[in-house]
Protein backbone atom coordinates (compact mmCIF):
# COMPACT_ATOMS: atom_id res chain seq x y z
CA GLY A 1 91.19 103.01 129.50
CA ASP A 2 90.71 101.56 126.08
CA GLY A 3 94.34 101.83 124.99
CA ASN A 4 93.99 104.86 122.73
CA PHE A 5 96.98 107.10 122.48
CA HIS A 6 96.96 110.65 121.25
CA CYS A 7 100.07 112.03 119.66
CA ILE A 8 100.10 115.72 118.83
CA LEU A 9 102.37 116.48 115.90
CA PRO A 10 102.50 120.28 115.66
CA LEU A 11 101.88 121.86 112.26
CA LEU A 12 101.77 125.51 111.30
CA ASP A 13 100.54 127.12 108.09
CA ASP A 14 104.04 128.31 107.20
CA ASP A 15 105.91 125.02 107.85
CA ASP A 16 108.24 124.10 105.02
CA GLU A 17 107.75 120.94 102.97
CA ASP A 18 110.78 119.19 104.50
CA TYR A 19 109.31 119.54 108.00
CA LEU A 20 105.87 118.41 106.82
CA GLU A 21 107.38 115.33 105.18
CA ARG A 22 109.22 114.43 108.39
CA VAL A 23 105.99 114.79 110.40
CA ARG A 24 104.16 112.56 107.90
CA GLU A 25 106.92 109.96 108.22
CA VAL A 26 106.70 109.98 112.03
CA ASN A 27 102.93 109.57 111.78
CA HIS A 28 103.33 106.71 109.30
CA ARG A 29 105.84 104.92 111.53
CA LEU A 30 103.61 105.34 114.60
CA LEU A 31 100.63 103.83 112.79
CA GLU A 32 102.66 100.98 111.29
CA ARG A 33 104.07 100.09 114.69
CA THR A 34 100.64 100.31 116.29
CA LEU A 35 99.28 97.83 113.76
CA GLU A 36 102.31 95.53 114.12
CA VAL A 37 101.65 95.09 117.85
CA GLY A 38 97.92 94.43 117.41
CA GLY A 39 96.58 97.94 117.81
CA THR A 40 94.17 99.72 115.53
CA CYS A 41 94.37 102.75 113.28
CA THR A 42 90.91 103.80 114.36
CA GLY A 43 89.71 105.41 117.54
CA GLU A 44 86.80 107.20 119.07
CA HIS A 45 86.80 109.64 116.15
CA GLY A 46 86.81 106.98 113.44
CA VAL A 47 89.03 106.92 110.38
CA GLY A 48 88.40 110.18 108.52
CA TYR A 49 90.84 111.29 105.85
CA GLY A 50 94.12 110.73 107.62
CA LYS A 51 93.97 107.02 108.28
CA MET A 52 92.15 105.61 105.26
CA GLU A 53 95.36 104.21 103.80
CA TYR A 54 95.93 102.12 106.94
CA LEU A 55 92.62 100.25 106.79
CA LYS A 56 94.01 97.75 104.26
CA MET A 57 96.98 97.10 106.52
CA GLN A 58 94.68 96.51 109.48
CA TYR A 59 91.78 94.61 107.95
CA GLY A 60 93.02 93.41 104.55
CA GLU A 61 91.87 94.22 101.02
CA GLY A 62 88.82 91.94 101.20
CA ALA A 63 87.40 93.60 104.28
CA VAL A 64 87.96 97.09 102.87
CA GLU A 65 86.26 96.07 99.62
CA MET A 66 83.29 94.78 101.66
CA MET A 67 83.12 98.17 103.43
CA ARG A 68 83.14 99.85 100.02
CA MET A 69 80.32 97.59 98.76
CA ILE A 70 78.19 98.34 101.83
CA LYS A 71 78.84 102.07 101.39
CA ARG A 72 77.73 101.91 97.75
CA ALA A 73 74.62 99.92 98.68
CA ILE A 74 73.35 102.25 101.42
CA ASP A 75 74.66 105.51 99.97
CA PRO A 76 74.67 105.22 96.16
CA ASN A 77 74.92 108.99 95.73
CA ASN A 78 77.86 109.22 98.15
CA ILE A 79 76.28 112.02 100.17
CA MET A 80 76.95 110.66 103.68
CA ASN A 81 80.48 111.66 104.73
CA PRO A 82 81.95 111.53 101.23
CA GLY A 83 85.64 110.70 101.14
CA LYS A 84 85.72 109.21 104.63
CA ILE A 85 86.51 105.66 105.72
CA VAL A 86 86.64 104.17 102.20
CA ASP A 87 87.11 105.75 98.81
CA PHE A 88 83.77 105.40 97.06
CA HIS A 89 85.35 105.33 93.61
CA ASP A 90 88.12 102.72 94.06
């Protein structure tokens, strides 16, 4: 295998905010620990919305800014997967 792990954190439409906050904290701690031991916040499905904040932790501000510059250069109208991987407007 490639070392990916899949953690299913169950969410329902009627979950209260306290539960949702606890699930977000578990997710945050899992991703932080993954990065601390040399893992990655990405996987076979890419980054999407949920892991964008962890790219800076993994690659550093300079690398994320380079990703943003490339995105602006090849997609100046932000029509290809807007809001994914890097924030176009940062």
